[in-house]
Amino acid sequence: MRAVEQVARFDRRVIDGVVDGLAAALGRLAGRVRSTQRGSVQESLTLALVGVVLLILGLVLVF
Protein backbone atom coordinates (compact mmCIF):
# COMPACT_ATOMS: atom_id res chain seq x y z
CA MET A 1 0.00 0.00 0.00
CA ARG A 2 2.94 2.31 0.58
CA ALA A 3 3.90 2.36 -3.12
CA VAL A 4 0.36 3.30 -4.08
CA GLU A 5 0.41 6.21 -1.65
CA GLN A 6 3.72 7.43 -3.08
CA VAL A 7 2.40 7.26 -6.63
CA ALA A 8 -0.74 9.13 -5.57
CA ARG A 9 1.34 11.81 -3.83
CA PHE A 10 3.57 12.15 -6.93
CA ASP A 11 0.48 12.47 -9.10
CA ARG A 12 -1.07 15.16 -6.91
CA ARG A 13 2.07 17.21 -6.40
CA VAL A 14 4.07 16.84 -9.60
CA ILE A 15 1.69 15.94 -12.39
CA ASP A 16 -1.17 18.12 -11.17
CA GLY A 17 1.29 20.92 -10.40
CA VAL A 18 2.68 20.87 -13.93
CA VAL A 19 -0.78 20.78 -15.48
CA ASP A 20 -2.07 23.58 -13.24
CA GLY A 21 1.04 25.68 -13.89
CA LEU A 22 0.74 25.23 -17.64
CA ALA A 23 -2.94 26.16 -17.53
CA ALA A 24 -2.17 29.30 -15.53
CA ALA A 25 0.62 30.33 -17.91
CA LEU A 26 -1.61 29.84 -20.96
CA GLY A 27 -4.37 31.80 -19.24
CA ARG A 28 -2.01 34.74 -18.67
CA LEU A 29 -0.80 34.55 -22.28
CA ALA A 30 -4.38 34.51 -23.55
CA GLY A 31 -5.14 37.59 -21.45
CA ARG A 32 -2.26 39.46 -23.02
CA VAL A 33 -3.23 38.44 -26.55
CA ARG A 34 -6.86 39.30 -25.86
CA SER A 35 -5.90 42.81 -24.79
CA THR A 36 -4.17 43.44 -28.13
CA GLN A 37 -7.22 42.46 -30.17
CA ARG A 38 -9.57 45.26 -31.02
CA GLY A 39 -12.17 43.24 -32.85
CA SER A 40 -12.32 45.32 -36.04
CA VAL A 41 -11.82 43.10 -39.08
CA GLN A 42 -11.60 46.11 -41.40
CA GLU A 43 -8.86 47.66 -39.30
CA SER A 44 -6.91 44.41 -39.21
CA LEU A 45 -7.15 43.96 -42.97
CA THR A 46 -6.14 47.56 -43.59
CA LEU A 47 -3.08 47.19 -41.36
CA ALA A 48 -2.16 43.91 -43.08
CA LEU A 49 -2.48 45.55 -46.50
CA VAL A 50 -0.35 48.52 -45.41
CA GLY A 51 2.26 46.07 -44.10
CA VAL A 52 2.34 44.18 -47.39
CA VAL A 53 2.65 47.42 -49.39
CA LEU A 54 5.49 48.64 -47.16
CA LEU A 55 7.23 45.28 -47.47
CA ILE A 56 6.96 45.35 -51.27
CA LEU A 57 8.19 48.95 -51.39
CA GLY A 58 11.10 48.07 -49.15
CA LEU A 59 12.07 45.12 -51.33
CA VAL A 60 11.78 47.20 -54.53
CA LEU A 61 13.96 49.95 -53.07
CA VAL A 62 16.63 47.53 -51.81
CA PHE A 63 16.85 45.39 -54.94
C-alpha atoms as a PDB file:
ATOM      1  CA  MET A   1       0.000   0.000   0.000  1.00  0.00           C
ATOM      2  CA  ARG A   2       2.935   2.306   0.577  1.00  0.00           C
ATOM      3  CA  ALA A   3       3.897   2.364  -3.116  1.00  0.00           C
ATOM      4  CA  VAL A   4       0.356   3.305  -4.080  1.00  0.00           C
ATOM      5  CA  GLU A   5       0.412   6.211  -1.645  1.00  0.00           C
ATOM      6  CA  GLN A   6       3.724   7.426  -3.078  1.00  0.00           C
ATOM      7  CA  VAL A   7       2.399   7.262  -6.631  1.00  0.00           C
ATOM      8  CA  ALA A   8      -0.737   9.134  -5.574  1.00  0.00           C
ATOM      9  CA  ARG A   9       1.345  11.807  -3.832  1.00  0.00           C
ATOM     10  CA  PHE A  10       3.572  12.153  -6.929  1.00  0.00           C
ATOM     11  CA  ASP A  11       0.484  12.473  -9.104  1.00  0.00           C
ATOM     12  CA  ARG A  12      -1.072  15.158  -6.908  1.00  0.00           C
ATOM     13  CA  ARG A  13       2.068  17.212  -6.398  1.00  0.00           C
ATOM     14  CA  VAL A  14       4.075  16.842  -9.598  1.00  0.00           C
ATOM     15  CA  ILE A  15       1.687  15.939 -12.391  1.00  0.00           C
ATOM     16  CA  ASP A  16      -1.173  18.122 -11.166  1.00  0.00           C
ATOM     17  CA  GLY A  17       1.288  20.916 -10.397  1.00  0.00           C
ATOM     18  CA  VAL A  18       2.680  20.867 -13.928  1.00  0.00           C
ATOM     19  CA  VAL A  19      -0.782  20.782 -15.485  1.00  0.00           C
ATOM     20  CA  ASP A  20      -2.072  23.584 -13.235  1.00  0.00           C
ATOM     21  CA  GLY A  21       1.039  25.683 -13.892  1.00  0.00           C
ATOM     22  CA  LEU A  22       0.738  25.232 -17.643  1.00  0.00           C
ATOM     23  CA  ALA A  23      -2.945  26.156 -17.532  1.00  0.00           C
ATOM     24  CA  ALA A  24      -2.171  29.304 -15.526  1.00  0.00           C
ATOM     25  CA  ALA A  25       0.617  30.326 -17.915  1.00  0.00           C
ATOM     26  CA  LEU A  26      -1.607  29.839 -20.957  1.00  0.00           C
ATOM     27  CA  GLY A  27      -4.365  31.804 -19.240  1.00  0.00           C
ATOM     28  CA  ARG A  28      -2.007  34.737 -18.674  1.00  0.00           C
ATOM     29  CA  LEU A  29      -0.796  34.554 -22.282  1.00  0.00           C
ATOM     30  CA  ALA A  30      -4.384  34.508 -23.548  1.00  0.00           C
ATOM     31  CA  GLY A  31      -5.141  37.589 -21.449  1.00  0.00           C
ATOM     32  CA  ARG A  32      -2.263  39.461 -23.023  1.00  0.00           C
ATOM     33  CA  VAL A  33      -3.230  38.443 -26.547  1.00  0.00           C
ATOM     34  CA  ARG A  34      -6.862  39.297 -25.865  1.00  0.00           C
ATOM     35  CA  SER A  35      -5.905  42.807 -24.788  1.00  0.00           C
ATOM     36  CA  THR A  36      -4.171  43.436 -28.128  1.00  0.00           C
ATOM     37  CA  GLN A  37      -7.222  42.455 -30.166  1.00  0.00           C
ATOM     38  CA  ARG A  38      -9.573  45.265 -31.017  1.00  0.00           C
ATOM     39  CA  GLY A  39     -12.166  43.235 -32.852  1.00  0.00           C
ATOM     40  CA  SER A  40     -12.315  45.322 -36.036  1.00  0.00           C
ATOM     41  CA  VAL A  41     -11.824  43.105 -39.083  1.00  0.00           C
ATOM     42  CA  GLN A  42     -11.600  46.113 -41.399  1.00  0.00           C
ATOM     43  CA  GLU A  43      -8.856  47.659 -39.302  1.00  0.00           C
ATOM     44  CA  SER A  44      -6.911  44.409 -39.210  1.00  0.00           C
ATOM     45  CA  LEU A  45      -7.155  43.956 -42.970  1.00  0.00           C
ATOM     46  CA  THR A  46      -6.142  47.561 -43.586  1.00  0.00           C
ATOM     47  CA  LEU A  47      -3.081  47.194 -41.359  1.00  0.00           C
ATOM     48  CA  ALA A  48      -2.164  43.915 -43.077  1.00  0.00           C
ATOM     49  CA  LEU A  49      -2.479  45.553 -46.502  1.00  0.00           C
ATOM     50  CA  VAL A  50      -0.351  48.523 -45.406  1.00  0.00           C
ATOM     51  CA  GLY A  51       2.261  46.072 -44.096  1.00  0.00           C
ATOM     52  CA  VAL A  52       2.344  44.182 -47.387  1.00  0.00           C
ATOM     53  CA  VAL A  53       2.648  47.417 -49.390  1.00  0.00           C
ATOM     54  CA  LEU A  54       5.487  48.639 -47.156  1.00  0.00           C
ATOM     55  CA  LEU A  55       7.230  45.278 -47.471  1.00  0.00           C
ATOM     56  CA  ILE A  56       6.964  45.351 -51.269  1.00  0.00           C
ATOM     57  CA  LEU A  57       8.188  48.949 -51.391  1.00  0.00           C
ATOM     58  CA  GLY A  58      11.103  48.068 -49.153  1.00  0.00           C
ATOM     59  CA  LEU A  59      12.068  45.121 -51.331  1.00  0.00           C
ATOM     60  CA  VAL A  60      11.778  47.199 -54.528  1.00  0.00           C
ATOM     61  CA  LEU A  61      13.962  49.949 -53.065  1.00  0.00           C
ATOM     62  CA  VAL A  62      16.626  47.532 -51.812  1.00  0.00           C
ATOM     63  CA  PHE A  63      16.847  45.393 -54.944  1.00  0.00           C
END
